[in-house]
Amino acid sequence: MAKKLYVGGLPYSTTNDELKAEFSKAGEVASATVIIDKMSGRSRGFGFVEFANDADADKAIDMFNEKELGGRKILVNEARPMEDRPRREGGRGGFGGGRFGGSRNSF
């Protein structure tokens, strides 16, 4: 069974191929994905690596967790299923009130 790992603290220049190549040192990588911000098109600095088997995934955690990659210390651990994460409070944005932050008739 495949095991998915969360990889945080990635250099923003890291590509999917680079992530896969690096983690392939621990075993057979089924997939590697750097998460991209939809608005800017830039990396968000984290990603996910899925291994073909649990033993290789465990080896990758031992090999890479809190180690340096591209000049940055990365965090590697088992990814949690989406339903296990707490929901963020609040809504979108947070800029409030009209065009310039006040009422429409403030001029």
PDB file of N, CA and C in Angstrom:
ATOM      1  N   MET A   1       0.843  -1.193   0.000  1.00  0.00           N
ATOM      2  CA  MET A   1       0.000   0.000   0.000  1.00  0.00           C
ATOM      3  C   MET A   1       0.883   1.249   0.000  1.00  0.00           C
ATOM      4  N   ALA A   2       0.461   2.257  -0.694  1.00  0.00           N
ATOM      5  CA  ALA A   2       1.239   3.496  -0.807  1.00  0.00           C
ATOM      6  C   ALA A   2       1.072   4.347   0.447  1.00  0.00           C
ATOM      7  N   LYS A   3       2.126   5.082   0.762  1.00  0.00           N
ATOM      8  CA  LYS A   3       2.094   6.009   1.893  1.00  0.00           C
ATOM      9  C   LYS A   3       2.485   7.383   1.375  1.00  0.00           C
ATOM     10  N   LYS A   4       1.694   8.389   1.753  1.00  0.00           N
ATOM     11  CA  LYS A   4       1.948   9.755   1.315  1.00  0.00           C
ATOM     12  C   LYS A   4       2.615  10.546   2.421  1.00  0.00           C
ATOM     13  N   LEU A   5       3.660  11.294   2.040  1.00  0.00           N
ATOM     14  CA  LEU A   5       4.392  12.121   2.984  1.00  0.00           C
ATOM     15  C   LEU A   5       4.181  13.595   2.689  1.00  0.00           C
ATOM     16  N   TYR A   6       4.108  14.392   3.742  1.00  0.00           N
ATOM     17  CA  TYR A   6       4.087  15.848   3.645  1.00  0.00           C
ATOM     18  C   TYR A   6       5.536  16.316   3.710  1.00  0.00           C
ATOM     19  N   VAL A   7       5.901  17.235   2.832  1.00  0.00           N
ATOM     20  CA  VAL A   7       7.251  17.799   2.827  1.00  0.00           C
ATOM     21  C   VAL A   7       7.108  19.318   2.918  1.00  0.00           C
ATOM     22  N   GLY A   8       7.506  19.897   4.042  1.00  0.00           N
ATOM     23  CA  GLY A   8       7.381  21.337   4.261  1.00  0.00           C
ATOM     24  C   GLY A   8       8.740  22.017   4.267  1.00  0.00           C
ATOM     25  N   GLY A   9       8.725  23.311   4.001  1.00  0.00           N
ATOM     26  CA  GLY A   9       9.955  24.098   4.012  1.00  0.00           C
ATOM     27  C   GLY A   9      10.767  23.987   2.739  1.00  0.00           C
ATOM     28  N   LEU A  10      10.122  23.572   1.659  1.00  0.00           N
ATOM     29  CA  LEU A  10      10.841  23.423   0.392  1.00  0.00           C
ATOM     30  C   LEU A  10      11.293  24.779  -0.152  1.00  0.00           C
ATOM     31  N   PRO A  11      12.448  24.813  -0.806  1.00  0.00           N
ATOM     32  CA  PRO A  11      12.828  26.029  -1.526  1.00  0.00           C
ATOM     33  C   PRO A  11      11.746  26.328  -2.579  1.00  0.00           C
ATOM     34  N   TYR A  12      11.425  27.575  -2.766  1.00  0.00           N
ATOM     35  CA  TYR A  12      10.345  27.939  -3.684  1.00  0.00           C
ATOM     36  C   TYR A  12      10.654  27.583  -5.137  1.00  0.00           C
ATOM     37  N   SER A  13      11.906  27.328  -5.440  1.00  0.00           N
ATOM     38  CA  SER A  13      12.298  26.975  -6.805  1.00  0.00           C
ATOM     39  C   SER A  13      12.175  25.484  -7.095  1.00  0.00           C
ATOM     40  N   THR A  14      11.842  24.669  -6.093  1.00  0.00           N
ATOM     41  CA  THR A  14      11.768  23.218  -6.262  1.00  0.00           C
ATOM     42  C   THR A  14      10.656  22.832  -7.231  1.00  0.00           C
ATOM     43  N   THR A  15      10.986  21.945  -8.170  1.00  0.00           N
ATOM     44  CA  THR A  15      10.001  21.439  -9.136  1.00  0.00           C
ATOM     45  C   THR A  15       9.553  20.039  -8.725  1.00  0.00           C
ATOM     46  N   ASN A  16       8.469  19.577  -9.346  1.00  0.00           N
ATOM     47  CA  ASN A  16       7.988  18.218  -9.103  1.00  0.00           C
ATOM     48  C   ASN A  16       9.077  17.194  -9.410  1.00  0.00           C
ATOM     49  N   ASP A  17       9.761  17.372 -10.542  1.00  0.00           N
ATOM     50  CA  ASP A  17      10.811  16.435 -10.952  1.00  0.00           C
ATOM     51  C   ASP A  17      11.981  16.419  -9.965  1.00  0.00           C
ATOM     52  N   GLU A  18      12.364  17.589  -9.470  1.00  0.00           N
ATOM     53  CA  GLU A  18      13.454  17.658  -8.493  1.00  0.00           C
ATOM     54  C   GLU A  18      13.060  16.984  -7.181  1.00  0.00           C
ATOM     55  N   LEU A  19      11.817  17.193  -6.761  1.00  0.00           N
ATOM     56  CA  LEU A  19      11.325  16.578  -5.535  1.00  0.00           C
ATOM     57  C   LEU A  19      11.324  15.057  -5.679  1.00  0.00           C
ATOM     58  N   LYS A  20      10.839  14.578  -6.814  1.00  0.00           N
ATOM     59  CA  LYS A  20      10.808  13.135  -7.060  1.00  0.00           C
ATOM     60  C   LYS A  20      12.215  12.552  -7.108  1.00  0.00           C
ATOM     61  N   ALA A  21      13.123  13.227  -7.780  1.00  0.00           N
ATOM     62  CA  ALA A  21      14.504  12.733  -7.891  1.00  0.00           C
ATOM     63  C   ALA A  21      15.170  12.648  -6.518  1.00  0.00           C
ATOM     64  N   GLU A  22      14.977  13.657  -5.693  1.00  0.00           N
ATOM     65  CA  GLU A  22      15.597  13.667  -4.369  1.00  0.00           C
ATOM     66  C   GLU A  22      15.047  12.531  -3.505  1.00  0.00           C
ATOM     67  N   PHE A  23      13.729  12.376  -3.470  1.00  0.00           N
ATOM     68  CA  PHE A  23      13.119  11.372  -2.607  1.00  0.00           C
ATOM     69  C   PHE A  23      13.259   9.959  -3.166  1.00  0.00           C
ATOM     70  N   SER A  24      13.594   9.828  -4.435  1.00  0.00           N
ATOM     71  CA  SER A  24      13.849   8.509  -5.025  1.00  0.00           C
ATOM     72  C   SER A  24      15.079   7.854  -4.405  1.00  0.00           C
ATOM     73  N   LYS A  25      15.905   8.645  -3.744  1.00  0.00           N
ATOM     74  CA  LYS A  25      17.074   8.097  -3.046  1.00  0.00           C
ATOM     75  C   LYS A  25      16.653   7.162  -1.911  1.00  0.00           C
ATOM     76  N   ALA A  26      15.409   7.305  -1.443  1.00  0.00           N
ATOM     77  CA  ALA A  26      14.902   6.472  -0.354  1.00  0.00           C
ATOM     78  C   ALA A  26      14.131   5.260  -0.864  1.00  0.00           C
ATOM     79  N   GLY A  27      13.721   5.274  -2.126  1.00  0.00           N
ATOM     80  CA  GLY A  27      12.952   4.157  -2.665  1.00  0.00           C
ATOM     81  C   GLY A  27      12.083   4.584  -3.837  1.00  0.00           C
ATOM     82  N   GLU A  28      11.153   3.699  -4.212  1.00  0.00           N
ATOM     83  CA  GLU A  28      10.304   3.936  -5.388  1.00  0.00           C
ATOM     84  C   GLU A  28       9.218   4.973  -5.093  1.00  0.00           C
ATOM     85  N   VAL A  29       9.317   6.121  -5.768  1.00  0.00           N
ATOM     86  CA  VAL A  29       8.345   7.201  -5.602  1.00  0.00           C
ATOM     87  C   VAL A  29       7.231   7.025  -6.624  1.00  0.00           C
ATOM     88  N   ALA A  30       5.990   6.938  -6.140  1.00  0.00           N
ATOM     89  CA  ALA A  30       4.834   6.818  -7.026  1.00  0.00           C
ATOM     90  C   ALA A  30       4.451   8.177  -7.605  1.00  0.00           C
ATOM     91  N   SER A  31       4.548   9.242  -6.790  1.00  0.00           N
ATOM     92  CA  SER A  31       4.252  10.596  -7.269  1.00  0.00           C
ATOM     93  C   SER A  31       4.910  11.618  -6.352  1.00  0.00           C
ATOM     94  N   ALA A  32       5.184  12.789  -6.913  1.00  0.00           N
ATOM     95  CA  ALA A  32       5.748  13.905  -6.150  1.00  0.00           C
ATOM     96  C   ALA A  32       5.141  15.186  -6.690  1.00  0.00           C
ATOM     97  N   THR A  33       4.558  15.966  -5.798  1.00  0.00           N
ATOM     98  CA  THR A  33       3.853  17.172  -6.219  1.00  0.00           C
ATOM     99  C   THR A  33       4.203  18.345  -5.318  1.00  0.00           C
ATOM    100  N   VAL A  34       4.702  19.419  -5.915  1.00  0.00           N
ATOM    101  CA  VAL A  34       4.913  20.682  -5.206  1.00  0.00           C
ATOM    102  C   VAL A  34       3.612  21.462  -5.336  1.00  0.00           C
ATOM    103  N   ILE A  35       3.096  21.972  -4.235  1.00  0.00           N
ATOM    104  CA  ILE A  35       1.831  22.709  -4.242  1.00  0.00           C
ATOM    105  C   ILE A  35       2.078  24.136  -4.729  1.00  0.00           C
ATOM    106  N   ILE A  36       1.272  24.537  -5.707  1.00  0.00           N
ATOM    107  CA  ILE A  36       1.402  25.844  -6.354  1.00  0.00           C
ATOM    108  C   ILE A  36       0.237  26.745  -5.955  1.00  0.00           C
ATOM    109  N   ASP A  37       0.520  27.995  -5.635  1.00  0.00           N
ATOM    110  CA  ASP A  37      -0.511  28.984  -5.328  1.00  0.00           C
ATOM    111  C   ASP A  37      -1.289  29.303  -6.593  1.00  0.00           C
ATOM    112  N   LYS A  38      -2.602  29.214  -6.520  1.00  0.00           N
ATOM    113  CA  LYS A  38      -3.444  29.437  -7.708  1.00  0.00           C
ATOM    114  C   LYS A  38      -3.393  30.875  -8.209  1.00  0.00           C
ATOM    115  N   MET A  39      -3.243  31.814  -7.304  1.00  0.00           N
ATOM    116  CA  MET A  39      -3.258  33.228  -7.699  1.00  0.00           C
ATOM    117  C   MET A  39      -1.929  33.675  -8.317  1.00  0.00           C
ATOM    118  N   SER A  40      -0.823  33.298  -7.689  1.00  0.00           N
ATOM    119  CA  SER A  40       0.475  33.788  -8.155  1.00  0.00           C
ATOM    120  C   SER A  40       1.178  32.818  -9.099  1.00  0.00           C
ATOM    121  N   GLY A  41       0.790  31.538  -9.060  1.00  0.00           N
ATOM    122  CA  GLY A  41       1.464  30.539  -9.879  1.00  0.00           C
ATOM    123  C   GLY A  41       2.815  30.122  -9.322  1.00  0.00           C
ATOM    124  N   ARG A  42       3.126  30.553  -8.096  1.00  0.00           N
ATOM    125  CA  ARG A  42       4.413  30.228  -7.465  1.00  0.00           C
ATOM    126  C   ARG A  42       4.230  29.115  -6.444  1.00  0.00           C
ATOM    127  N   SER A  43       5.317  28.438  -6.130  1.00  0.00           N
ATOM    128  CA  SER A  43       5.306  27.388  -5.126  1.00  0.00           C
ATOM    129  C   SER A  43       4.874  27.956  -3.779  1.00  0.00           C
ATOM    130  N   ARG A  44       4.155  27.134  -3.012  1.00  0.00           N
ATOM    131  CA  ARG A  44       3.772  27.540  -1.654  1.00  0.00           C
ATOM    132  C   ARG A  44       4.782  27.038  -0.625  1.00  0.00           C
ATOM    133  N   GLY A  45       5.851  26.361  -1.092  1.00  0.00           N
ATOM    134  CA  GLY A  45       6.915  25.929  -0.186  1.00  0.00           C
ATOM    135  C   GLY A  45       6.675  24.586   0.478  1.00  0.00           C
ATOM    136  N   PHE A  46       5.674  23.843  -0.009  1.00  0.00           N
ATOM    137  CA  PHE A  46       5.469  22.498   0.516  1.00  0.00           C
ATOM    138  C   PHE A  46       4.930  21.604  -0.588  1.00  0.00           C
ATOM    139  N   GLY A  47       4.953  20.315  -0.318  1.00  0.00           N
ATOM    140  CA  GLY A  47       4.472  19.372  -1.309  1.00  0.00           C
ATOM    141  C   GLY A  47       4.211  18.015  -0.683  1.00  0.00           C
ATOM    142  N   PHE A  48       3.912  17.044  -1.547  1.00  0.00           N
ATOM    143  CA  PHE A  48       3.603  15.697  -1.105  1.00  0.00           C
ATOM    144  C   PHE A  48       4.354  14.702  -1.972  1.00  0.00           C
ATOM    145  N   VAL A  49       4.867  13.659  -1.319  1.00  0.00           N
ATOM    146  CA  VAL A  49       5.550  12.580  -2.020  1.00  0.00           C
ATOM    147  C   VAL A  49       4.862  11.288  -1.618  1.00  0.00           C
ATOM    148  N   GLU A  50       4.456  10.511  -2.618  1.00  0.00           N
ATOM    149  CA  GLU A  50       3.803   9.232  -2.351  1.00  0.00           C
ATOM    150  C   GLU A  50       4.742   8.110  -2.750  1.00  0.00           C
ATOM    151  N   PHE A  51       4.954   7.180  -1.828  1.00  0.00           N
ATOM    152  CA  PHE A  51       5.838   6.047  -2.058  1.00  0.00           C
ATOM    153  C   PHE A  51       5.031   4.804  -2.379  1.00  0.00           C
ATOM    154  N   ALA A  52       5.635   3.915  -3.150  1.00  0.00           N
ATOM    155  CA  ALA A  52       4.987   2.669  -3.541  1.00  0.00           C
ATOM    156  C   ALA A  52       4.781   1.745  -2.338  1.00  0.00           C
ATOM    157  N   ASN A  53       5.653   1.842  -1.339  1.00  0.00           N
ATOM    158  CA  ASN A  53       5.465   1.001  -0.155  1.00  0.00           C
ATOM    159  C   ASN A  53       5.843   1.765   1.114  1.00  0.00           C
ATOM    160  N   ASP A  54       5.304   1.283   2.213  1.00  0.00           N
ATOM    161  CA  ASP A  54       5.484   1.958   3.506  1.00  0.00           C
ATOM    162  C   ASP A  54       6.938   1.967   3.979  1.00  0.00           C
ATOM    163  N   ALA A  55       7.677   0.903   3.707  1.00  0.00           N
ATOM    164  CA  ALA A  55       9.060   0.830   4.168  1.00  0.00           C
ATOM    165  C   ALA A  55       9.909   1.939   3.550  1.00  0.00           C
ATOM    166  N   ASP A  56       9.722   2.205   2.258  1.00  0.00           N
ATOM    167  CA  ASP A  56      10.465   3.282   1.597  1.00  0.00           C
ATOM    168  C   ASP A  56      10.061   4.642   2.147  1.00  0.00           C
ATOM    169  N   ALA A  57       8.769   4.810   2.443  1.00  0.00           N
ATOM    170  CA  ALA A  57       8.291   6.077   3.006  1.00  0.00           C
ATOM    171  C   ALA A  57       8.911   6.313   4.380  1.00  0.00           C
ATOM    172  N   ASP A  58       8.953   5.274   5.204  1.00  0.00           N
ATOM    173  CA  ASP A  58       9.562   5.400   6.532  1.00  0.00           C
ATOM    174  C   ASP A  58      11.051   5.726   6.417  1.00  0.00           C
ATOM    175  N   LYS A  59      11.708   5.117   5.441  1.00  0.00           N
ATOM    176  CA  LYS A  59      13.125   5.390   5.199  1.00  0.00           C
ATOM    177  C   LYS A  59      13.324   6.860   4.798  1.00  0.00           C
ATOM    178  N   ALA A  60      12.416   7.381   3.965  1.00  0.00           N
ATOM    179  CA  ALA A  60      12.505   8.783   3.522  1.00  0.00           C
ATOM    180  C   ALA A  60      12.350   9.742   4.695  1.00  0.00           C
ATOM    181  N   ILE A  61      11.445   9.423   5.620  1.00  0.00           N
ATOM    182  CA  ILE A  61      11.277  10.280   6.800  1.00  0.00           C
ATOM    183  C   ILE A  61      12.590  10.331   7.573  1.00  0.00           C
ATOM    184  N   ASP A  62      13.188   9.159   7.783  1.00  0.00           N
ATOM    185  CA  ASP A  62      14.469   9.100   8.507  1.00  0.00           C
ATOM    186  C   ASP A  62      15.578   9.846   7.775  1.00  0.00           C
ATOM    187  N   MET A  63      15.598   9.718   6.439  1.00  0.00           N
ATOM    188  CA  MET A  63      16.664  10.334   5.639  1.00  0.00           C
ATOM    189  C   MET A  63      16.548  11.851   5.526  1.00  0.00           C
ATOM    190  N   PHE A  64      15.314  12.362   5.416  1.00  0.00           N
ATOM    191  CA  PHE A  64      15.140  13.762   5.027  1.00  0.00           C
ATOM    192  C   PHE A  64      14.559  14.689   6.092  1.00  0.00           C
ATOM    193  N   ASN A  65      13.864  14.173   7.095  1.00  0.00           N
ATOM    194  CA  ASN A  65      13.242  15.052   8.077  1.00  0.00           C
ATOM    195  C   ASN A  65      14.299  15.884   8.808  1.00  0.00           C
ATOM    196  N   GLU A  66      14.075  17.186   8.823  1.00  0.00           N
ATOM    197  CA  GLU A  66      14.952  18.182   9.448  1.00  0.00           C
ATOM    198  C   GLU A  66      16.350  18.230   8.834  1.00  0.00           C
ATOM    199  N   LYS A  67      16.443  17.809   7.587  1.00  0.00           N
ATOM    200  CA  LYS A  67      17.702  17.907   6.840  1.00  0.00           C
ATOM    201  C   LYS A  67      17.608  19.095   5.880  1.00  0.00           C
ATOM    202  N   GLU A  68      18.746  19.493   5.336  1.00  0.00           N
ATOM    203  CA  GLU A  68      18.779  20.638   4.431  1.00  0.00           C
ATOM    204  C   GLU A  68      18.565  20.192   2.991  1.00  0.00           C
ATOM    205  N   LEU A  69      17.740  20.934   2.287  1.00  0.00           N
ATOM    206  CA  LEU A  69      17.496  20.718   0.861  1.00  0.00           C
ATOM    207  C   LEU A  69      17.482  22.087   0.194  1.00  0.00           C
ATOM    208  N   GLY A  70      18.407  22.312  -0.707  1.00  0.00           N
ATOM    209  CA  GLY A  70      18.467  23.597  -1.394  1.00  0.00           C
ATOM    210  C   GLY A  70      18.676  24.776  -0.470  1.00  0.00           C
ATOM    211  N   GLY A  71      19.405  24.557   0.619  1.00  0.00           N
ATOM    212  CA  GLY A  71      19.682  25.648   1.547  1.00  0.00           C
ATOM    213  C   GLY A  71      18.613  25.875   2.598  1.00  0.00           C
ATOM    214  N   ARG A  72      17.563  25.050   2.613  1.00  0.00           N
ATOM    215  CA  ARG A  72      16.489  25.198   3.605  1.00  0.00           C
ATOM    216  C   ARG A  72      16.288  23.899   4.363  1.00  0.00           C
ATOM    217  N   LYS A  73      15.991  24.016   5.648  1.00  0.00           N
ATOM    218  CA  LYS A  73      15.704  22.837   6.458  1.00  0.00           C
ATOM    219  C   LYS A  73      14.263  22.406   6.178  1.00  0.00           C
ATOM    220  N   ILE A  74      14.091  21.144   5.774  1.00  0.00           N
ATOM    221  CA  ILE A  74      12.755  20.667   5.437  1.00  0.00           C
ATOM    222  C   ILE A  74      12.185  19.806   6.562  1.00  0.00           C
ATOM    223  N   LEU A  75      10.872  19.720   6.585  1.00  0.00           N
ATOM    224  CA  LEU A  75      10.135  18.899   7.526  1.00  0.00           C
ATOM    225  C   LEU A  75       9.441  17.808   6.729  1.00  0.00           C
ATOM    226  N   VAL A  76       9.622  16.553   7.129  1.00  0.00           N
ATOM    227  CA  VAL A  76       9.010  15.433   6.420  1.00  0.00           C
ATOM    228  C   VAL A  76       8.293  14.555   7.432  1.00  0.00           C
ATOM    229  N   ASN A  77       7.000  14.344   7.205  1.00  0.00           N
ATOM    230  CA  ASN A  77       6.250  13.427   8.048  1.00  0.00           C
ATOM    231  C   ASN A  77       5.092  12.835   7.260  1.00  0.00           C
ATOM    232  N   GLU A  78       4.421  11.877   7.856  1.00  0.00           N
ATOM    233  CA  GLU A  78       3.300  11.234   7.169  1.00  0.00           C
ATOM    234  C   GLU A  78       2.166  12.241   7.008  1.00  0.00           C
ATOM    235  N   ALA A  79       1.640  12.317   5.792  1.00  0.00           N
ATOM    236  CA  ALA A  79       0.550  13.257   5.513  1.00  0.00           C
ATOM    237  C   ALA A  79      -0.719  12.783   6.215  1.00  0.00           C
ATOM    238  N   ARG A  80      -1.475  13.722   6.740  1.00  0.00           N
ATOM    239  CA  ARG A  80      -2.754  13.409   7.373  1.00  0.00           C
ATOM    240  C   ARG A  80      -3.858  13.496   6.335  1.00  0.00           C
ATOM    241  N   PRO A  81      -4.874  12.651   6.444  1.00  0.00           N
ATOM    242  CA  PRO A  81      -6.016  12.766   5.524  1.00  0.00           C
ATOM    243  C   PRO A  81      -6.691  14.128   5.703  1.00  0.00           C
ATOM    244  N   MET A  82      -7.264  14.651   4.644  1.00  0.00           N
ATOM    245  CA  MET A  82      -7.873  15.979   4.686  1.00  0.00           C
ATOM    246  C   MET A  82      -8.917  16.107   5.785  1.00  0.00           C
ATOM    247  N   GLU A  83      -9.726  15.084   6.023  1.00  0.00           N
ATOM    248  CA  GLU A  83     -10.794  15.192   7.007  1.00  0.00           C
ATOM    249  C   GLU A  83     -10.277  15.285   8.444  1.00  0.00           C
ATOM    250  N   ASP A  84      -9.017  14.935   8.689  1.00  0.00           N
ATOM    251  CA  ASP A  84      -8.458  14.999  10.035  1.00  0.00           C
ATOM    252  C   ASP A  84      -7.933  16.380  10.409  1.00  0.00           C
ATOM    253  N   ARG A  85      -7.830  17.275   9.448  1.00  0.00           N
ATOM    254  CA  ARG A  85      -7.284  18.599   9.738  1.00  0.00           C
ATOM    255  C   ARG A  85      -8.375  19.525  10.253  1.00  0.00           C
ATOM    256  N   PRO A  86      -8.052  20.368  11.231  1.00  0.00           N
ATOM    257  CA  PRO A  86      -9.067  21.301  11.740  1.00  0.00           C
ATOM    258  C   PRO A  86      -9.433  22.338  10.681  1.00  0.00           C
ATOM    259  N   ARG A  87     -10.705  22.705  10.657  1.00  0.00           N
ATOM    260  CA  ARG A  87     -11.187  23.694   9.703  1.00  0.00           C
ATOM    261  C   ARG A  87     -10.747  25.085  10.141  1.00  0.00           C
ATOM    262  N   ARG A  88     -10.318  25.907   9.178  1.00  0.00           N
ATOM    263  CA  ARG A  88      -9.893  27.264   9.499  1.00  0.00           C
ATOM    264  C   ARG A  88     -11.107  28.151   9.736  1.00  0.00           C
ATOM    265  N   GLU A  89     -11.025  28.966  10.750  1.00  0.00           N
ATOM    266  CA  GLU A  89     -12.112  29.884  11.064  1.00  0.00           C
ATOM    267  C   GLU A  89     -12.002  31.135  10.203  1.00  0.00           C
ATOM    268  N   GLY A  90     -13.086  31.853  10.111  1.00  0.00           N
ATOM    269  CA  GLY A  90     -13.079  33.084   9.321  1.00  0.00           C
ATOM    270  C   GLY A  90     -13.459  32.791   7.889  1.00  0.00           C
ATOM    271  N   GLY A  91     -13.419  33.786   7.100  1.00  0.00           N
ATOM    272  CA  GLY A  91     -13.792  33.628   5.707  1.00  0.00           C
ATOM    273  C   GLY A  91     -12.660  34.019   4.810  1.00  0.00           C
ATOM    274  N   ARG A  92     -13.009  34.484   3.683  1.00  0.00           N
ATOM    275  CA  ARG A  92     -12.016  34.910   2.714  1.00  0.00           C
ATOM    276  C   ARG A  92     -11.638  36.357   2.986  1.00  0.00           C
ATOM    277  N   GLY A  93     -10.483  36.697   2.554  1.00  0.00           N
ATOM    278  CA  GLY A  93     -10.052  38.097   2.595  1.00  0.00           C
ATOM    279  C   GLY A  93      -9.917  38.642   3.994  1.00  0.00           C
ATOM    280  N   GLY A  94     -10.609  39.713   4.274  1.00  0.00           N
ATOM    281  CA  GLY A  94     -10.496  40.374   5.552  1.00  0.00           C
ATOM    282  C   GLY A  94     -10.233  41.847   5.369  1.00  0.00           C
ATOM    283  N   PHE A  95     -10.550  42.368   4.191  1.00  0.00           N
ATOM    284  CA  PHE A  95     -10.268  43.772   3.919  1.00  0.00           C
ATOM    285  C   PHE A  95     -11.416  44.678   4.320  1.00  0.00           C
ATOM    286  N   GLY A  96     -12.607  44.135   4.435  1.00  0.00           N
ATOM    287  CA  GLY A  96     -13.749  44.893   4.929  1.00  0.00           C
ATOM    288  C   GLY A  96     -14.176  46.063   4.066  1.00  0.00           C
ATOM    289  N   GLY A  97     -15.178  46.673   4.397  1.00  0.00           N
ATOM    290  CA  GLY A  97     -15.897  47.828   3.898  1.00  0.00           C
ATOM    291  C   GLY A  97     -15.721  48.350   2.520  1.00  0.00           C
ATOM    292  N   GLY A  98     -16.135  48.805   1.650  1.00  0.00           N
ATOM    293  CA  GLY A  98     -16.174  49.329   0.312  1.00  0.00           C
ATOM    294  C   GLY A  98     -14.842  49.485  -0.383  1.00  0.00           C
ATOM    295  N   ARG A  99     -14.870  50.293  -1.366  1.00  0.00           N
ATOM    296  CA  ARG A  99     -13.736  50.437  -2.274  1.00  0.00           C
ATOM    297  C   ARG A  99     -12.460  50.906  -1.575  1.00  0.00           C
ATOM    298  N   PHE A 100     -12.601  51.870  -0.674  1.00  0.00           N
ATOM    299  CA  PHE A 100     -11.429  52.396   0.020  1.00  0.00           C
ATOM    300  C   PHE A 100     -11.516  52.140   1.519  1.00  0.00           C
ATOM    301  N   GLY A 101     -12.277  51.133   1.934  1.00  0.00           N
ATOM    302  CA  GLY A 101     -12.361  50.771   3.335  1.00  0.00           C
ATOM    303  C   GLY A 101     -13.416  51.549   4.108  1.00  0.00           C
ATOM    304  N   GLY A 102     -14.075  52.488   3.519  1.00  0.00           N
ATOM    305  CA  GLY A 102     -15.120  53.241   4.202  1.00  0.00           C
ATOM    306  C   GLY A 102     -16.421  53.118   3.450  1.00  0.00           C
ATOM    307  N   SER A 103     -17.358  53.982   3.737  1.00  0.00           N
ATOM    308  CA  SER A 103     -18.634  53.912   3.024  1.00  0.00           C
ATOM    309  C   SER A 103     -18.474  54.510   1.641  1.00  0.00           C
ATOM    310  N   ARG A 104     -19.430  54.277   0.799  1.00  0.00           N
ATOM    311  CA  ARG A 104     -19.362  54.746  -0.593  1.00  0.00           C
ATOM    312  C   ARG A 104     -19.435  56.272  -0.680  1.00  0.00           C
ATOM    313  N   ASN A 105     -20.050  56.892   0.310  1.00  0.00           N
ATOM    314  CA  ASN A 105     -20.259  58.330   0.253  1.00  0.00           C
ATOM    315  C   ASN A 105     -19.263  59.116   1.120  1.00  0.00           C
ATOM    316  N   SER A 106     -18.103  58.616   1.292  1.00  0.00           N
ATOM    317  CA  SER A 106     -17.147  59.273   2.187  1.00  0.00           C
ATOM    318  C   SER A 106     -16.380  60.407   1.517  1.00  0.00           C
ATOM    319  N   PHE A 107     -16.605  60.677   0.246  1.00  0.00           N
ATOM    320  CA  PHE A 107     -15.856  61.740  -0.445  1.00  0.00           C
ATOM    321  C   PHE A 107     -16.618  63.017  -0.448  1.00  0.00           C
TER     322      PHE A 107
END
